[in-house]
N, C-alpha and C. Protein backbone atom coordinates (compact mmCIF):
# COMPACT_ATOMS: atom_id res chain seq x y z
N UNK A 1 -80.81 -35.03 57.51
CA UNK A 1 -80.95 -33.87 58.33
C UNK A 1 -82.23 -33.11 58.04
N UNK A 2 -82.39 -32.07 58.73
CA UNK A 2 -83.57 -31.20 58.59
C UNK A 2 -83.32 -30.20 57.47
N UNK A 3 -84.31 -30.04 56.60
CA UNK A 3 -84.19 -29.05 55.54
C UNK A 3 -84.92 -27.78 55.98
N UNK A 4 -84.39 -26.64 55.55
CA UNK A 4 -84.91 -25.34 55.98
C UNK A 4 -85.54 -24.62 54.80
N UNK A 5 -86.75 -24.07 55.05
CA UNK A 5 -87.48 -23.29 54.05
C UNK A 5 -87.62 -21.88 54.58
N UNK A 6 -87.24 -20.89 53.80
CA UNK A 6 -87.40 -19.48 54.16
C UNK A 6 -88.58 -18.93 53.37
N UNK A 7 -89.64 -18.53 54.09
CA UNK A 7 -90.83 -17.96 53.45
C UNK A 7 -90.65 -16.46 53.27
N UNK A 8 -91.07 -15.97 52.11
CA UNK A 8 -90.93 -14.55 51.79
C UNK A 8 -92.20 -14.04 51.12
N UNK A 9 -92.64 -12.86 51.53
CA UNK A 9 -93.77 -12.20 50.89
C UNK A 9 -93.29 -11.43 49.68
N UNK A 10 -93.87 -11.72 48.52
CA UNK A 10 -93.44 -11.10 47.27
C UNK A 10 -94.44 -10.03 46.86
N UNK A 11 -93.91 -8.91 46.44
CA UNK A 11 -94.73 -7.78 45.98
C UNK A 11 -93.94 -7.07 44.89
N UNK A 12 -94.59 -6.15 44.21
CA UNK A 12 -93.91 -5.33 43.20
C UNK A 12 -92.69 -4.67 43.83
N UNK A 13 -91.55 -4.74 43.17
CA UNK A 13 -90.34 -4.10 43.67
C UNK A 13 -89.54 -4.95 44.64
N UNK A 14 -89.97 -6.21 44.89
CA UNK A 14 -89.22 -7.08 45.79
C UNK A 14 -87.79 -7.22 45.30
N UNK A 15 -86.84 -7.12 46.21
CA UNK A 15 -85.42 -7.17 45.84
C UNK A 15 -84.88 -8.59 46.03
N UNK A 16 -84.92 -9.37 44.96
CA UNK A 16 -84.48 -10.76 45.03
C UNK A 16 -83.00 -10.88 45.38
N UNK A 17 -82.22 -9.85 45.11
CA UNK A 17 -80.79 -9.91 45.43
C UNK A 17 -80.55 -10.05 46.93
N UNK A 18 -81.50 -9.63 47.76
CA UNK A 18 -81.36 -9.77 49.22
C UNK A 18 -81.35 -11.24 49.65
N UNK A 19 -81.84 -12.12 48.80
CA UNK A 19 -81.90 -13.54 49.15
C UNK A 19 -80.53 -14.18 49.20
N UNK A 20 -79.55 -13.54 48.60
CA UNK A 20 -78.18 -14.06 48.66
C UNK A 20 -77.72 -14.27 50.09
N UNK A 21 -78.22 -13.43 51.01
CA UNK A 21 -77.85 -13.53 52.42
C UNK A 21 -78.29 -14.85 53.05
N UNK A 22 -79.26 -15.54 52.46
CA UNK A 22 -79.80 -16.77 53.02
C UNK A 22 -79.27 -18.04 52.35
N UNK A 23 -78.51 -17.90 51.29
CA UNK A 23 -78.14 -19.06 50.47
C UNK A 23 -77.49 -20.20 51.26
N UNK A 24 -76.63 -19.89 52.20
CA UNK A 24 -75.94 -20.93 52.95
C UNK A 24 -76.79 -21.50 54.08
N UNK A 25 -77.85 -20.79 54.45
CA UNK A 25 -78.65 -21.20 55.61
C UNK A 25 -79.92 -21.96 55.27
N UNK A 26 -80.40 -21.85 54.03
CA UNK A 26 -81.68 -22.47 53.69
C UNK A 26 -81.54 -23.44 52.51
N UNK A 27 -82.47 -24.37 52.45
CA UNK A 27 -82.51 -25.33 51.35
C UNK A 27 -83.47 -24.89 50.25
N UNK A 28 -84.51 -24.15 50.65
CA UNK A 28 -85.54 -23.71 49.72
C UNK A 28 -86.04 -22.33 50.13
N UNK A 29 -86.55 -21.60 49.16
CA UNK A 29 -87.34 -20.41 49.43
C UNK A 29 -88.80 -20.76 49.18
N UNK A 30 -89.69 -20.06 49.87
CA UNK A 30 -91.12 -20.17 49.61
C UNK A 30 -91.60 -18.78 49.27
N UNK A 31 -92.08 -18.60 48.06
CA UNK A 31 -92.56 -17.30 47.60
C UNK A 31 -94.07 -17.24 47.76
N UNK A 32 -94.52 -16.31 48.58
CA UNK A 32 -95.94 -16.15 48.91
C UNK A 32 -96.34 -14.70 48.66
N UNK A 33 -97.61 -14.42 48.81
CA UNK A 33 -98.13 -13.07 48.63
C UNK A 33 -97.81 -12.22 49.85
N UNK A 34 -97.26 -11.04 49.64
CA UNK A 34 -96.99 -10.11 50.73
C UNK A 34 -98.31 -9.56 51.26
N UNK A 35 -98.55 -9.73 52.56
CA UNK A 35 -99.76 -9.19 53.19
C UNK A 35 -99.39 -8.57 54.53
N UNK A 36 -100.33 -7.85 55.09
CA UNK A 36 -100.11 -7.23 56.41
C UNK A 36 -100.13 -8.28 57.52
N UNK A 37 -100.97 -9.31 57.35
CA UNK A 37 -101.10 -10.33 58.40
C UNK A 37 -100.16 -11.49 58.12
N UNK A 38 -99.96 -12.31 59.15
CA UNK A 38 -99.20 -13.55 58.99
C UNK A 38 -100.16 -14.64 58.56
N UNK A 39 -99.66 -15.61 57.82
CA UNK A 39 -100.51 -16.71 57.39
C UNK A 39 -101.11 -16.45 56.03
N UNK A 40 -101.93 -17.38 55.61
CA UNK A 40 -102.49 -17.33 54.27
C UNK A 40 -103.53 -16.26 54.08
N UNK A 41 -103.46 -15.61 52.94
CA UNK A 41 -104.43 -14.58 52.59
C UNK A 41 -105.39 -15.08 51.51
N UNK A 42 -105.03 -16.18 50.84
CA UNK A 42 -105.83 -16.67 49.73
C UNK A 42 -105.67 -15.83 48.48
N UNK A 43 -104.67 -14.95 48.47
CA UNK A 43 -104.45 -14.06 47.33
C UNK A 43 -103.16 -14.46 46.61
N UNK A 44 -103.21 -14.36 45.30
CA UNK A 44 -102.07 -14.69 44.45
C UNK A 44 -101.25 -13.43 44.17
N UNK A 45 -99.92 -13.56 44.22
CA UNK A 45 -99.08 -12.45 43.79
C UNK A 45 -98.82 -12.57 42.29
N UNK A 46 -98.27 -11.54 41.72
CA UNK A 46 -97.98 -11.50 40.28
C UNK A 46 -96.77 -12.39 40.00
N UNK A 47 -97.04 -13.59 39.47
CA UNK A 47 -95.95 -14.54 39.24
C UNK A 47 -94.95 -14.06 38.21
N UNK A 48 -95.28 -13.07 37.42
CA UNK A 48 -94.30 -12.55 36.46
C UNK A 48 -93.12 -11.91 37.18
N UNK A 49 -93.29 -11.57 38.46
CA UNK A 49 -92.18 -11.02 39.25
C UNK A 49 -91.05 -12.04 39.40
N UNK A 50 -91.36 -13.32 39.27
CA UNK A 50 -90.34 -14.36 39.42
C UNK A 50 -89.29 -14.31 38.32
N UNK A 51 -89.57 -13.59 37.25
CA UNK A 51 -88.54 -13.43 36.20
C UNK A 51 -87.32 -12.71 36.76
N UNK A 52 -87.50 -12.01 37.88
CA UNK A 52 -86.39 -11.30 38.53
C UNK A 52 -85.61 -12.19 39.49
N UNK A 53 -86.07 -13.42 39.70
CA UNK A 53 -85.38 -14.37 40.59
C UNK A 53 -84.31 -15.08 39.78
N UNK A 54 -83.06 -14.79 40.08
CA UNK A 54 -81.96 -15.29 39.26
C UNK A 54 -81.09 -16.33 39.97
N UNK A 55 -81.37 -16.61 41.24
CA UNK A 55 -80.56 -17.57 41.98
C UNK A 55 -80.91 -19.00 41.59
N UNK A 56 -80.01 -19.93 41.88
CA UNK A 56 -80.23 -21.34 41.56
C UNK A 56 -81.04 -22.08 42.62
N UNK A 57 -81.22 -21.49 43.78
CA UNK A 57 -81.91 -22.15 44.89
C UNK A 57 -83.35 -22.50 44.50
N UNK A 58 -83.77 -23.77 44.70
CA UNK A 58 -85.15 -24.15 44.38
C UNK A 58 -86.15 -23.46 45.30
N UNK A 59 -87.40 -23.39 44.83
CA UNK A 59 -88.41 -22.67 45.60
C UNK A 59 -89.77 -23.35 45.56
N UNK A 60 -90.56 -23.03 46.57
CA UNK A 60 -91.97 -23.40 46.64
C UNK A 60 -92.75 -22.19 46.17
N UNK A 61 -93.86 -22.43 45.49
CA UNK A 61 -94.75 -21.36 45.06
C UNK A 61 -96.02 -21.44 45.89
N UNK A 62 -96.42 -20.31 46.46
CA UNK A 62 -97.56 -20.26 47.36
C UNK A 62 -98.37 -19.01 47.09
N UNK A 63 -99.53 -18.93 47.71
CA UNK A 63 -100.33 -17.71 47.63
C UNK A 63 -101.55 -17.81 46.76
N UNK A 64 -102.67 -18.19 47.34
CA UNK A 64 -103.94 -18.18 46.63
C UNK A 64 -104.03 -19.14 45.47
N UNK A 65 -103.35 -20.26 45.57
CA UNK A 65 -103.34 -21.23 44.47
C UNK A 65 -104.54 -22.16 44.60
N UNK A 66 -105.32 -22.23 43.52
CA UNK A 66 -106.49 -23.09 43.48
C UNK A 66 -106.66 -23.71 42.11
N UNK A 67 -107.82 -24.28 41.88
CA UNK A 67 -108.11 -24.92 40.59
C UNK A 67 -107.96 -23.96 39.42
N UNK A 68 -108.25 -22.68 39.67
CA UNK A 68 -108.20 -21.67 38.61
C UNK A 68 -106.79 -21.43 38.09
N UNK A 69 -105.78 -21.85 38.83
CA UNK A 69 -104.39 -21.60 38.45
C UNK A 69 -103.73 -22.78 37.73
N UNK A 70 -104.46 -23.87 37.49
CA UNK A 70 -103.84 -25.05 36.87
C UNK A 70 -103.15 -24.71 35.55
N UNK A 71 -103.85 -24.03 34.67
CA UNK A 71 -103.27 -23.70 33.36
C UNK A 71 -102.04 -22.82 33.52
N UNK A 72 -102.14 -21.82 34.38
CA UNK A 72 -101.02 -20.91 34.62
C UNK A 72 -99.82 -21.66 35.20
N UNK A 73 -100.07 -22.60 36.11
CA UNK A 73 -98.99 -23.40 36.69
C UNK A 73 -98.33 -24.28 35.63
N UNK A 74 -99.13 -24.85 34.75
CA UNK A 74 -98.58 -25.70 33.70
C UNK A 74 -97.72 -24.93 32.70
N UNK A 75 -97.89 -23.63 32.65
CA UNK A 75 -97.10 -22.79 31.75
C UNK A 75 -95.75 -22.40 32.34
N UNK A 76 -95.56 -22.62 33.64
CA UNK A 76 -94.29 -22.27 34.27
C UNK A 76 -93.22 -23.26 33.82
N UNK A 77 -92.17 -22.73 33.24
CA UNK A 77 -91.05 -23.55 32.76
C UNK A 77 -89.82 -23.15 33.55
N UNK A 78 -89.71 -23.69 34.77
CA UNK A 78 -88.63 -23.30 35.66
C UNK A 78 -88.24 -24.52 36.50
N UNK A 79 -87.07 -25.07 36.23
CA UNK A 79 -86.61 -26.26 36.96
C UNK A 79 -86.42 -26.00 38.45
N UNK A 80 -86.34 -24.74 38.84
CA UNK A 80 -86.16 -24.42 40.26
C UNK A 80 -87.46 -24.53 41.04
N UNK A 81 -88.61 -24.55 40.36
CA UNK A 81 -89.89 -24.71 41.05
C UNK A 81 -89.95 -26.12 41.60
N UNK A 82 -89.81 -26.23 42.92
CA UNK A 82 -89.70 -27.52 43.59
C UNK A 82 -91.05 -28.06 44.05
N UNK A 83 -91.92 -27.15 44.52
CA UNK A 83 -93.20 -27.59 45.09
C UNK A 83 -94.21 -26.46 45.02
N UNK A 84 -95.47 -26.84 45.11
CA UNK A 84 -96.58 -25.89 45.13
C UNK A 84 -97.28 -26.03 46.47
N UNK A 85 -97.46 -24.91 47.15
CA UNK A 85 -98.12 -24.89 48.46
C UNK A 85 -99.58 -24.49 48.26
N UNK A 86 -100.49 -25.39 48.58
CA UNK A 86 -101.92 -25.09 48.48
C UNK A 86 -102.55 -25.19 49.86
N UNK A 87 -103.60 -24.40 50.09
CA UNK A 87 -104.26 -24.48 51.37
C UNK A 87 -105.71 -24.01 51.28
N UNK A 88 -105.94 -22.72 51.51
CA UNK A 88 -107.30 -22.22 51.74
C UNK A 88 -108.26 -22.44 50.57
N UNK A 89 -107.76 -22.44 49.35
CA UNK A 89 -108.64 -22.64 48.19
C UNK A 89 -109.19 -24.06 48.12
N UNK A 90 -108.65 -24.96 48.94
CA UNK A 90 -109.08 -26.35 48.94
C UNK A 90 -109.77 -26.75 50.25
N UNK A 91 -110.02 -25.79 51.11
CA UNK A 91 -110.65 -26.09 52.40
C UNK A 91 -112.17 -25.99 52.32
N UNK A 92 -112.83 -26.94 52.97
CA UNK A 92 -114.28 -26.86 53.14
C UNK A 92 -114.59 -26.05 54.39
N UNK A 93 -113.66 -26.09 55.34
CA UNK A 93 -113.67 -25.26 56.54
C UNK A 93 -112.23 -25.27 57.05
N UNK A 94 -111.87 -24.34 57.93
CA UNK A 94 -110.47 -24.29 58.37
C UNK A 94 -109.96 -25.66 58.86
N UNK A 95 -108.88 -26.10 58.22
CA UNK A 95 -108.25 -27.35 58.60
C UNK A 95 -108.76 -28.59 57.88
N UNK A 96 -109.81 -28.46 57.08
CA UNK A 96 -110.39 -29.61 56.38
C UNK A 96 -110.36 -29.38 54.87
N UNK A 97 -109.71 -30.30 54.16
CA UNK A 97 -109.56 -30.17 52.72
C UNK A 97 -110.62 -30.97 51.97
N UNK A 98 -110.98 -30.46 50.79
CA UNK A 98 -111.88 -31.15 49.88
C UNK A 98 -111.01 -32.07 49.02
N UNK A 99 -111.05 -33.36 49.32
CA UNK A 99 -110.19 -34.33 48.64
C UNK A 99 -110.46 -34.35 47.13
N UNK A 100 -111.71 -34.21 46.72
CA UNK A 100 -112.02 -34.23 45.29
C UNK A 100 -111.40 -33.04 44.57
N UNK A 101 -111.42 -31.87 45.20
CA UNK A 101 -110.76 -30.70 44.59
C UNK A 101 -109.25 -30.93 44.48
N UNK A 102 -108.66 -31.51 45.53
CA UNK A 102 -107.22 -31.79 45.49
C UNK A 102 -106.89 -32.78 44.38
N UNK A 103 -107.69 -33.83 44.24
CA UNK A 103 -107.46 -34.80 43.15
C UNK A 103 -107.56 -34.13 41.79
N UNK A 104 -108.58 -33.29 41.62
CA UNK A 104 -108.76 -32.57 40.36
C UNK A 104 -107.55 -31.69 40.07
N UNK A 105 -107.05 -31.03 41.11
CA UNK A 105 -105.89 -30.15 40.97
C UNK A 105 -104.66 -30.95 40.55
N UNK A 106 -104.36 -32.01 41.29
CA UNK A 106 -103.16 -32.79 40.99
C UNK A 106 -103.24 -33.47 39.63
N UNK A 107 -104.43 -33.93 39.26
CA UNK A 107 -104.60 -34.55 37.94
C UNK A 107 -104.44 -33.54 36.81
N UNK A 108 -104.71 -32.27 37.08
CA UNK A 108 -104.59 -31.23 36.07
C UNK A 108 -103.18 -30.73 35.85
N UNK A 109 -102.30 -30.98 36.83
CA UNK A 109 -100.91 -30.54 36.70
C UNK A 109 -100.14 -31.48 35.78
N UNK A 110 -99.25 -30.90 34.99
CA UNK A 110 -98.44 -31.71 34.06
C UNK A 110 -97.00 -31.73 34.50
């Protein structure tokens, strides 16, 4: 069947308890940076806020992730982290990715 991902903008004071309302409807959450606009901002949110995420539902991590975050990503010890969403930090122009940067990124992840 089709799996469902619920994207959420995370900011200081985000109420993770509200996610309980989605538990039966979604397969994953996607935690991204809260911005005024829709779509990618290329900005990272404060990942320490994830210490407040207490549900068992797996999640995608998104928001301004690039080569500079490899070490920080390798320090995350959370079995619920299912996937990493990368985009703008790897683009040479909108819609076109730098394959060498992507290879460097994936090779750096443990």
